[in-house]
Amino acid sequence: STVLAFRSALLEAQSQASQAAQVQAVLASDEAHGNPD
């Protein structure tokens, strides 16, 4: 049950990671990466 719960959490994260706009927004807000444009 723990392994299946872990897999479920990964599936949700994988779904979110495939959305470029969300990833770009996070990177753009990270001042350590310089130019947000």
Full PDB file with SEQRES, HELIX, SHEET, SSBOND, CRYST1, ORIGX, SCALE, CONECT and MASTER records, all heavy atoms in Angstrom:
SEQRES   1 A   37  SER THR VAL LEU ALA PHE ARG SER ALA LEU LEU GLU ALA          
SEQRES   2 A   37  GLN SER GLN ALA SER GLN ALA ALA GLN VAL GLN ALA VAL          
SEQRES   3 A   37  LEU ALA SER ASP GLU ALA HIS GLY ASN PRO ASP                  
HELIX    1 AA1 THR A    2  ALA A   17  1                                  16    
HELIX    2 AA2 ALA A   20  SER A   29  1                                  10    
HELIX    3 AA3 GLU A   31  HIS A   33  5                                   3    
CRYST1    1.000    1.000    1.000  90.00  90.00  90.00 P 1           1          
ORIGX1      1.000000  0.000000  0.000000        0.00000                         
ORIGX2      0.000000  1.000000  0.000000        0.00000                         
ORIGX3      0.000000  0.000000  1.000000        0.00000                         
SCALE1      1.000000  0.000000  0.000000        0.00000                         
SCALE2      0.000000  1.000000  0.000000        0.00000                         
SCALE3      0.000000  0.000000  1.000000        0.00000                         
ATOM      1  N   SER A   1       0.832  -1.211   0.000  1.00  0.00           N  
ATOM      2  CA  SER A   1       0.000   0.000   0.000  1.00  0.00           C  
ATOM      3  C   SER A   1       0.866   1.261   0.000  1.00  0.00           C  
ATOM      4  O   SER A   1       0.520   2.262  -0.634  1.00  0.00           O  
ATOM      5  CB  SER A   1      -0.970   0.005   1.170  1.00  0.00           C  
ATOM      6  OG  SER A   1      -0.276  -0.016   2.396  1.00  0.00           O  
ATOM      7  N   THR A   2       1.992   1.229   0.664  1.00  0.00           N  
ATOM      8  CA  THR A   2       2.907   2.377   0.678  1.00  0.00           C  
ATOM      9  C   THR A   2       3.504   2.591  -0.705  1.00  0.00           C  
ATOM     10  O   THR A   2       3.579   3.729  -1.191  1.00  0.00           O  
ATOM     11  CB  THR A   2       4.024   2.162   1.720  1.00  0.00           C  
ATOM     12  OG1 THR A   2       3.416   2.003   3.004  1.00  0.00           O  
ATOM     13  CG2 THR A   2       4.994   3.321   1.743  1.00  0.00           C  
ATOM     14  N   VAL A   3       3.918   1.515  -1.341  1.00  0.00           N  
ATOM     15  CA  VAL A   3       4.496   1.612  -2.686  1.00  0.00           C  
ATOM     16  C   VAL A   3       3.447   2.135  -3.667  1.00  0.00           C  
ATOM     17  O   VAL A   3       3.738   2.993  -4.501  1.00  0.00           O  
ATOM     18  CB  VAL A   3       5.073   0.255  -3.138  1.00  0.00           C  
ATOM     19  CG1 VAL A   3       5.490   0.295  -4.597  1.00  0.00           C  
ATOM     20  CG2 VAL A   3       6.248  -0.141  -2.256  1.00  0.00           C  
ATOM     21  N   LEU A   4       2.224   1.659  -3.554  1.00  0.00           N  
ATOM     22  CA  LEU A   4       1.157   2.138  -4.438  1.00  0.00           C  
ATOM     23  C   LEU A   4       0.838   3.608  -4.185  1.00  0.00           C  
ATOM     24  O   LEU A   4       0.584   4.362  -5.130  1.00  0.00           O  
ATOM     25  CB  LEU A   4      -0.091   1.266  -4.276  1.00  0.00           C  
ATOM     26  CG  LEU A   4       0.046  -0.172  -4.787  1.00  0.00           C  
ATOM     27  CD1 LEU A   4      -1.191  -0.988  -4.440  1.00  0.00           C  
ATOM     28  CD2 LEU A   4       0.316  -0.202  -6.289  1.00  0.00           C  
ATOM     29  N   ALA A   5       0.869   4.056  -2.928  1.00  0.00           N  
ATOM     30  CA  ALA A   5       0.639   5.472  -2.618  1.00  0.00           C  
ATOM     31  C   ALA A   5       1.766   6.328  -3.184  1.00  0.00           C  
ATOM     32  O   ALA A   5       1.532   7.417  -3.725  1.00  0.00           O  
ATOM     33  CB  ALA A   5       0.523   5.668  -1.101  1.00  0.00           C  
ATOM     34  N   PHE A   6       3.005   5.844  -3.072  1.00  0.00           N  
ATOM     35  CA  PHE A   6       4.151   6.553  -3.636  1.00  0.00           C  
ATOM     36  C   PHE A   6       4.000   6.671  -5.149  1.00  0.00           C  
ATOM     37  O   PHE A   6       4.199   7.742  -5.727  1.00  0.00           O  
ATOM     38  CB  PHE A   6       5.447   5.811  -3.272  1.00  0.00           C  
ATOM     39  CG  PHE A   6       6.690   6.462  -3.793  1.00  0.00           C  
ATOM     40  CD1 PHE A   6       7.167   7.635  -3.237  1.00  0.00           C  
ATOM     41  CD2 PHE A   6       7.407   5.880  -4.835  1.00  0.00           C  
ATOM     42  CE1 PHE A   6       8.324   8.236  -3.705  1.00  0.00           C  
ATOM     43  CE2 PHE A   6       8.564   6.471  -5.313  1.00  0.00           C  
ATOM     44  CZ  PHE A   6       9.013   7.649  -4.742  1.00  0.00           C  
ATOM     45  N   ARG A   7       3.612   5.576  -5.800  1.00  0.00           N  
ATOM     46  CA  ARG A   7       3.403   5.590  -7.253  1.00  0.00           C  
ATOM     47  C   ARG A   7       2.320   6.598  -7.626  1.00  0.00           C  
ATOM     48  O   ARG A   7       2.445   7.340  -8.597  1.00  0.00           O  
ATOM     49  CB  ARG A   7       3.034   4.201  -7.749  1.00  0.00           C  
ATOM     50  CG  ARG A   7       2.847   4.163  -9.266  1.00  0.00           C  
ATOM     51  CD  ARG A   7       2.320   2.839  -9.747  1.00  0.00           C  
ATOM     52  NE  ARG A   7       3.323   1.813  -9.645  1.00  0.00           N  
ATOM     53  CZ  ARG A   7       3.058   0.517  -9.819  1.00  0.00           C  
ATOM     54  NH1 ARG A   7       1.830   0.111 -10.071  1.00  0.00           N  
ATOM     55  NH2 ARG A   7       4.020  -0.379  -9.721  1.00  0.00           N  
ATOM     56  N   SER A   8       1.246   6.656  -6.841  1.00  0.00           N  
ATOM     57  CA  SER A   8       0.158   7.600  -7.108  1.00  0.00           C  
ATOM     58  C   SER A   8       0.653   9.045  -7.025  1.00  0.00           C  
ATOM     59  O   SER A   8       0.308   9.883  -7.863  1.00  0.00           O  
ATOM     60  CB  SER A   8      -0.981   7.362  -6.118  1.00  0.00           C  
ATOM     61  OG  SER A   8      -2.009   8.288  -6.321  1.00  0.00           O  
ATOM     62  N   ALA A   9       1.456   9.339  -6.006  1.00  0.00           N  
ATOM     63  CA  ALA A   9       2.014  10.689  -5.862  1.00  0.00           C  
ATOM     64  C   ALA A   9       2.919  11.023  -7.044  1.00  0.00           C  
ATOM     65  O   ALA A   9       2.903  12.157  -7.557  1.00  0.00           O  
ATOM     66  CB  ALA A   9       2.783  10.810  -4.552  1.00  0.00           C  
ATOM     67  N   LEU A  10       3.697  10.063  -7.513  1.00  0.00           N  
ATOM     68  CA  LEU A  10       4.560  10.286  -8.674  1.00  0.00           C  
ATOM     69  C   LEU A  10       3.746  10.560  -9.930  1.00  0.00           C  
ATOM     70  O   LEU A  10       4.104  11.428 -10.732  1.00  0.00           O  
ATOM     71  CB  LEU A  10       5.461   9.072  -8.913  1.00  0.00           C  
ATOM     72  CG  LEU A  10       6.671   8.931  -8.021  1.00  0.00           C  
ATOM     73  CD1 LEU A  10       7.411   7.637  -8.338  1.00  0.00           C  
ATOM     74  CD2 LEU A  10       7.607  10.112  -8.146  1.00  0.00           C  
ATOM     75  N   LEU A  11       2.667   9.841 -10.116  1.00  0.00           N  
ATOM     76  CA  LEU A  11       1.814  10.057 -11.284  1.00  0.00           C  
ATOM     77  C   LEU A  11       1.267  11.484 -11.304  1.00  0.00           C  
ATOM     78  O   LEU A  11       1.218  12.128 -12.341  1.00  0.00           O  
ATOM     79  CB  LEU A  11       0.678   9.038 -11.332  1.00  0.00           C  
ATOM     80  CG  LEU A  11       1.089   7.603 -11.647  1.00  0.00           C  
ATOM     81  CD1 LEU A  11      -0.104   6.669 -11.513  1.00  0.00           C  
ATOM     82  CD2 LEU A  11       1.709   7.514 -13.028  1.00  0.00           C  
ATOM     83  N   GLU A  12       0.866  11.975 -10.130  1.00  0.00           N  
ATOM     84  CA  GLU A  12       0.376  13.357 -10.037  1.00  0.00           C  
ATOM     85  C   GLU A  12       1.490  14.336 -10.370  1.00  0.00           C  
ATOM     86  O   GLU A  12       1.298  15.301 -11.112  1.00  0.00           O  
ATOM     87  CB  GLU A  12      -0.184  13.629  -8.642  1.00  0.00           C  
ATOM     88  CG  GLU A  12      -0.647  15.057  -8.433  1.00  0.00           C  
ATOM     89  CD  GLU A  12      -1.774  15.488  -9.363  1.00  0.00           C  
ATOM     90  OE1 GLU A  12      -2.555  14.639  -9.817  1.00  0.00           O  
ATOM     91  OE2 GLU A  12      -1.866  16.708  -9.626  1.00  0.00           O  
ATOM     92  N   ALA A  13       2.677  14.102  -9.826  1.00  0.00           N  
ATOM     93  CA  ALA A  13       3.817  14.979 -10.103  1.00  0.00           C  
ATOM     94  C   ALA A  13       4.202  14.932 -11.586  1.00  0.00           C  
ATOM     95  O   ALA A  13       4.525  15.963 -12.181  1.00  0.00           O  
ATOM     96  CB  ALA A  13       5.008  14.577  -9.241  1.00  0.00           C  
ATOM     97  N   GLN A  14       4.144  13.752 -12.187  1.00  0.00           N  
ATOM     98  CA  GLN A  14       4.464  13.616 -13.604  1.00  0.00           C  
ATOM     99  C   GLN A  14       3.468  14.390 -14.459  1.00  0.00           C  
ATOM    100  O   GLN A  14       3.836  15.023 -15.444  1.00  0.00           O  
ATOM    101  CB  GLN A  14       4.483  12.141 -14.002  1.00  0.00           C  
ATOM    102  CG  GLN A  14       5.681  11.416 -13.428  1.00  0.00           C  
ATOM    103  CD  GLN A  14       5.558   9.912 -13.535  1.00  0.00           C  
ATOM    104  OE1 GLN A  14       4.482   9.345 -13.319  1.00  0.00           O  
ATOM    105  NE2 GLN A  14       6.661   9.259 -13.846  1.00  0.00           N  
ATOM    106  N   SER A  15       2.225  14.372 -14.076  1.00  0.00           N  
ATOM    107  CA  SER A  15       1.201  15.124 -14.791  1.00  0.00           C  
ATOM    108  C   SER A  15       1.492  16.623 -14.726  1.00  0.00           C  
ATOM    109  O   SER A  15       1.423  17.332 -15.719  1.00  0.00           O  
ATOM    110  CB  SER A  15      -0.174  14.821 -14.208  1.00  0.00           C  
ATOM    111  OG  SER A  15      -1.148  15.637 -14.791  1.00  0.00           O  
ATOM    112  N   GLN A  16       1.854  17.101 -13.548  1.00  0.00           N  
ATOM    113  CA  GLN A  16       2.159  18.521 -13.382  1.00  0.00           C  
ATOM    114  C   GLN A  16       3.442  18.910 -14.119  1.00  0.00           C  
ATOM    115  O   GLN A  16       3.528  19.994 -14.690  1.00  0.00           O  
ATOM    116  CB  GLN A  16       2.269  18.871 -11.904  1.00  0.00           C  
ATOM    117  CG  GLN A  16       0.938  18.793 -11.177  1.00  0.00           C  
ATOM    118  CD  GLN A  16       1.073  19.060  -9.691  1.00  0.00           C  
ATOM    119  OE1 GLN A  16       2.080  19.569  -9.218  1.00  0.00           O  
ATOM    120  NE2 GLN A  16       0.048  18.710  -8.938  1.00  0.00           N  
ATOM    121  N   ALA A  17       4.444  18.032 -14.098  1.00  0.00           N  
ATOM    122  CA  ALA A  17       5.729  18.327 -14.732  1.00  0.00           C  
ATOM    123  C   ALA A  17       5.622  18.424 -16.245  1.00  0.00           C  
ATOM    124  O   ALA A  17       6.468  19.037 -16.889  1.00  0.00           O  
ATOM    125  CB  ALA A  17       6.759  17.272 -14.347  1.00  0.00           C  
ATOM    126  N   SER A  18       4.597  17.846 -16.813  1.00  0.00           N  
ATOM    127  CA  SER A  18       4.440  17.885 -18.265  1.00  0.00           C  
ATOM    128  C   SER A  18       3.772  19.169 -18.745  1.00  0.00           C  
ATOM    129  O   SER A  18       3.604  19.374 -19.939  1.00  0.00           O  
ATOM    130  CB  SER A  18       3.644  16.670 -18.739  1.00  0.00           C  
ATOM    131  OG  SER A  18       2.314  16.748 -18.277  1.00  0.00           O  
ATOM    132  N   GLN A  19       3.413  20.050 -17.828  1.00  0.00           N  
ATOM    133  CA  GLN A  19       2.756  21.307 -18.181  1.00  0.00           C  
ATOM    134  C   GLN A  19       3.795  22.425 -18.218  1.00  0.00           C  
ATOM    135  O   GLN A  19       4.168  22.999 -17.203  1.00  0.00           O  
ATOM    136  CB  GLN A  19       1.651  21.609 -17.179  1.00  0.00           C  
ATOM    137  CG  GLN A  19       0.580  20.526 -17.174  1.00  0.00           C  
ATOM    138  CD  GLN A  19      -0.451  20.727 -16.091  1.00  0.00           C  
ATOM    139  OE1 GLN A  19      -0.672  21.820 -15.618  1.00  0.00           O  
ATOM    140  NE2 GLN A  19      -1.092  19.636 -15.687  1.00  0.00           N  
ATOM    141  N   ALA A  20       4.281  22.738 -19.414  1.00  0.00           N  
ATOM    142  CA  ALA A  20       5.388  23.679 -19.607  1.00  0.00           C  
ATOM    143  C   ALA A  20       5.129  25.036 -18.969  1.00  0.00           C  
ATOM    144  O   ALA A  20       6.032  25.631 -18.376  1.00  0.00           O  
ATOM    145  CB  ALA A  20       5.678  23.846 -21.097  1.00  0.00           C  
ATOM    146  N   ALA A  21       3.924  25.550 -19.071  1.00  0.00           N  
ATOM    147  CA  ALA A  21       3.634  26.890 -18.535  1.00  0.00           C  
ATOM    148  C   ALA A  21       3.880  26.950 -17.027  1.00  0.00           C  
ATOM    149  O   ALA A  21       4.438  27.930 -16.519  1.00  0.00           O  
ATOM    150  CB  ALA A  21       2.191  27.288 -18.851  1.00  0.00           C  
ATOM    151  N   GLN A  22       3.492  25.906 -16.320  1.00  0.00           N  
ATOM    152  CA  GLN A  22       3.711  25.888 -14.864  1.00  0.00           C  
ATOM    153  C   GLN A  22       5.193  25.824 -14.528  1.00  0.00           C  
ATOM    154  O   GLN A  22       5.667  26.510 -13.634  1.00  0.00           O  
ATOM    155  CB  GLN A  22       2.984  24.706 -14.230  1.00  0.00           C  
ATOM    156  CG  GLN A  22       1.491  24.850 -14.192  1.00  0.00           C  
ATOM    157  CD  GLN A  22       0.809  23.663 -13.513  1.00  0.00           C  
ATOM    158  OE1 GLN A  22       1.424  22.645 -13.251  1.00  0.00           O  
ATOM    159  NE2 GLN A  22      -0.475  23.811 -13.239  1.00  0.00           N  
ATOM    160  N   VAL A  23       5.936  25.016 -15.247  1.00  0.00           N  
ATOM    161  CA  VAL A  23       7.370  24.879 -15.002  1.00  0.00           C  
ATOM    162  C   VAL A  23       8.066  26.199 -15.319  1.00  0.00           C  
ATOM    163  O   VAL A  23       8.917  26.678 -14.560  1.00  0.00           O  
ATOM    164  CB  VAL A  23       7.968  23.720 -15.826  1.00  0.00           C  
ATOM    165  CG1 VAL A  23       9.486  23.665 -15.678  1.00  0.00           C  
ATOM    166  CG2 VAL A  23       7.345  22.399 -15.402  1.00  0.00           C  
ATOM    167  N   GLN A  24       7.713  26.836 -16.437  1.00  0.00           N  
ATOM    168  CA  GLN A  24       8.325  28.108 -16.807  1.00  0.00           C  
ATOM    169  C   GLN A  24       8.025  29.183 -15.762  1.00  0.00           C  
ATOM    170  O   GLN A  24       8.887  30.004 -15.447  1.00  0.00           O  
ATOM    171  CB  GLN A  24       7.837  28.558 -18.186  1.00  0.00           C  
ATOM    172  CG  GLN A  24       8.448  27.727 -19.291  1.00  0.00           C  
ATOM    173  CD  GLN A  24       7.882  28.068 -20.652  1.00  0.00           C  
ATOM    174  OE1 GLN A  24       6.729  28.472 -20.776  1.00  0.00           O  
ATOM    175  NE2 GLN A  24       8.680  27.878 -21.683  1.00  0.00           N  
ATOM    176  N   ALA A  25       6.821  29.196 -15.217  1.00  0.00           N  
ATOM    177  CA  ALA A  25       6.463  30.179 -14.196  1.00  0.00           C  
ATOM    178  C   ALA A  25       7.324  30.019 -12.953  1.00  0.00           C  
ATOM    179  O   ALA A  25       7.782  31.002 -12.365  1.00  0.00           O  
ATOM    180  CB  ALA A  25       4.984  30.059 -13.841  1.00  0.00           C  
ATOM    181  N   VAL A  26       7.568  28.780 -12.556  1.00  0.00           N  
ATOM    182  CA  VAL A  26       8.409  28.536 -11.381  1.00  0.00           C  
ATOM    183  C   VAL A  26       9.840  28.989 -11.658  1.00  0.00           C  
ATOM    184  O   VAL A  26      10.459  29.668 -10.844  1.00  0.00           O  
ATOM    185  CB  VAL A  26       8.381  27.041 -10.981  1.00  0.00           C  
ATOM    186  CG1 VAL A  26       9.452  26.731  -9.950  1.00  0.00           C  
ATOM    187  CG2 VAL A  26       7.005  26.673 -10.458  1.00  0.00           C  
ATOM    188  N   LEU A  27      10.368  28.644 -12.821  1.00  0.00           N  
ATOM    189  CA  LEU A  27      11.740  29.046 -13.161  1.00  0.00           C  
ATOM    190  C   LEU A  27      11.865  30.557 -13.281  1.00  0.00           C  
ATOM    191  O   LEU A  27      12.858  31.142 -12.840  1.00  0.00           O  
ATOM    192  CB  LEU A  27      12.192  28.381 -14.459  1.00  0.00           C  
ATOM    193  CG  LEU A  27      12.427  26.872 -14.384  1.00  0.00           C  
ATOM    194  CD1 LEU A  27      12.785  26.327 -15.758  1.00  0.00           C  
ATOM    195  CD2 LEU A  27      13.516  26.544 -13.380  1.00  0.00           C  
ATOM    196  N   ALA A  28      10.872  31.199 -13.859  1.00  0.00           N  
ATOM    197  CA  ALA A  28      10.918  32.652 -14.023  1.00  0.00           C  
ATOM    198  C   ALA A  28      10.893  33.362 -12.680  1.00  0.00           C  
ATOM    199  O   ALA A  28      11.464  34.439 -12.527  1.00  0.00           O  
ATOM    200  CB  ALA A  28       9.750  33.121 -14.888  1.00  0.00           C  
ATOM    201  N   SER A  29      10.264  32.763 -11.680  1.00  0.00           N  
ATOM    202  CA  SER A  29      10.185  33.403 -10.371  1.00  0.00           C  
ATOM    203  C   SER A  29      11.432  33.146  -9.530  1.00  0.00           C  
ATOM    204  O   SER A  29      11.617  33.742  -8.478  1.00  0.00           O  
ATOM    205  CB  SER A  29       8.951  32.905  -9.613  1.00  0.00           C  
ATOM    206  OG  SER A  29       9.106  31.533  -9.283  1.00  0.00           O  
ATOM    207  N   ASP A  30      12.307  32.291  -9.999  1.00  0.00           N  
ATOM    208  CA  ASP A  30      13.526  31.961  -9.269  1.00  0.00           C  
ATOM    209  C   ASP A  30      14.607  32.973  -9.625  1.00  0.00           C  
ATOM    210  O   ASP A  30      15.209  32.920 -10.679  1.00  0.00           O  
ATOM    211  CB  ASP A  30      13.973  30.536  -9.618  1.00  0.00           C  
ATOM    212  CG  ASP A  30      15.167  30.079  -8.805  1.00  0.00           C  
ATOM    213  OD1 ASP A  30      15.762  30.893  -8.077  1.00  0.00           O  
ATOM    214  OD2 ASP A  30      15.515  28.896  -8.899  1.00  0.00           O  
ATOM    215  N   GLU A  31      14.863  33.908  -8.731  1.00  0.00           N  
ATOM    216  CA  GLU A  31      15.825  34.975  -8.994  1.00  0.00           C  
ATOM    217  C   GLU A  31      17.228  34.453  -9.258  1.00  0.00           C  
ATOM    218  O   GLU A  31      18.027  35.114  -9.917  1.00  0.00           O  
ATOM    219  CB  GLU A  31      15.846  35.953  -7.827  1.00  0.00           C  
ATOM    220  CG  GLU A  31      14.549  36.704  -7.659  1.00  0.00           C  
ATOM    221  CD  GLU A  31      14.554  37.612  -6.443  1.00  0.00           C  
ATOM    222  OE1 GLU A  31      15.643  37.906  -5.916  1.00  0.00           O  
ATOM    223  OE2 GLU A  31      13.465  38.020  -6.037  1.00  0.00           O  
ATOM    224  N   ALA A  32      17.568  33.279  -8.764  1.00  0.00           N  
ATOM    225  CA  ALA A  32      18.911  32.727  -8.942  1.00  0.00           C  
ATOM    226  C   ALA A  32      19.216  32.411 -10.407  1.00  0.00           C  
ATOM    227  O   ALA A  32      20.355  32.289 -10.792  1.00  0.00           O  
ATOM    228  CB  ALA A  32      19.083  31.462  -8.101  1.00  0.00           C  
ATOM    229  N   HIS A  33      18.192  32.300 -11.230  1.00  0.00           N  
ATOM    230  CA  HIS A  33      18.410  31.973 -12.638  1.00  0.00           C  
ATOM    231  C   HIS A  33      18.546  33.217 -13.513  1.00  0.00           C  
ATOM    232  O   HIS A  33      18.645  33.094 -14.717  1.00  0.00           O  
ATOM    233  CB  HIS A  33      17.280  31.079 -13.156  1.00  0.00           C  
ATOM    234  CG  HIS A  33      17.376  29.693 -12.636  1.00  0.00           C  
ATOM    235  ND1 HIS A  33      16.600  29.240 -11.597  1.00  0.00           N  
ATOM    236  CD2 HIS A  33      18.178  28.662 -12.968  1.00  0.00           C  
ATOM    237  CE1 HIS A  33      16.913  27.992 -11.339  1.00  0.00           C  
ATOM    238  NE2 HIS A  33      17.869  27.621 -12.147  1.00  0.00           N  
ATOM    239  N   GLY A  34      18.533  34.391 -12.940  1.00  0.00           N  
ATOM    240  CA  GLY A  34      18.791  35.597 -13.735  1.00  0.00           C  
ATOM    241  C   GLY A  34      17.566  36.117 -14.439  1.00  0.00           C  
ATOM    242  O   GLY A  34      16.523  36.300 -13.850  1.00  0.00           O  
ATOM    243  N   ASN A  35      17.683  36.348 -15.716  1.00  0.00           N  
ATOM    244  CA  ASN A  35      16.692  37.007 -16.537  1.00  0.00           C  
ATOM    245  C   ASN A  35      15.414  36.174 -16.666  1.00  0.00           C  
ATOM    246  O   ASN A  35      15.397  35.153 -17.339  1.00  0.00           O  
ATOM    247  CB  ASN A  35      17.289  37.260 -17.929  1.00  0.00           C  
ATOM    248  CG  ASN A  35      16.366  38.064 -18.807  1.00  0.00           C  
ATOM    249  OD1 ASN A  35      15.216  38.313 -18.463  1.00  0.00           O  
ATOM    250  ND2 ASN A  35      16.877  38.472 -19.946  1.00  0.00           N  
ATOM    251  N   PRO A  36      14.312  36.644 -16.059  1.00  0.00           N  
ATOM    252  CA  PRO A  36      13.061  35.873 -16.139  1.00  0.00           C  
ATOM    253  C   PRO A  36      12.425  35.877 -17.524  1.00  0.00           C  
ATOM    254  O   PRO A  36      11.550  35.090 -17.796  1.00  0.00           O  
ATOM    255  CB  PRO A  36      12.154  36.572 -15.114  1.00  0.00           C  
ATOM    256  CG  PRO A  36      12.691  37.948 -15.018  1.00  0.00           C  
ATOM    257  CD  PRO A  36      14.175  37.851 -15.270  1.00  0.00           C  
ATOM    258  N   ASP A  37      12.895  36.786 -18.425  1.00  0.00           N  
ATOM    259  CA  ASP A  37      12.340  36.820 -19.772  1.00  0.00           C  
ATOM    260  C   ASP A  37      12.905  35.710 -20.653  1.00  0.00           C  
ATOM    261  O   ASP A  37      12.337  35.363 -21.667  1.00  0.00           O  
ATOM    262  CB  ASP A  37      12.618  38.173 -20.431  1.00  0.00           C  
ATOM    263  CG  ASP A  37      11.920  39.301 -19.694  1.00  0.00           C  
ATOM    264  OD1 ASP A  37      10.826  39.060 -19.159  1.00  0.00           O  
ATOM    265  OD2 ASP A  37      12.475  40.409 -19.643  1.00  0.00           O  
TER     266      ASP A  37                                                      
MASTER        0    0    0    3    0    0    0    6  265    1    0    3          
END                                                                             
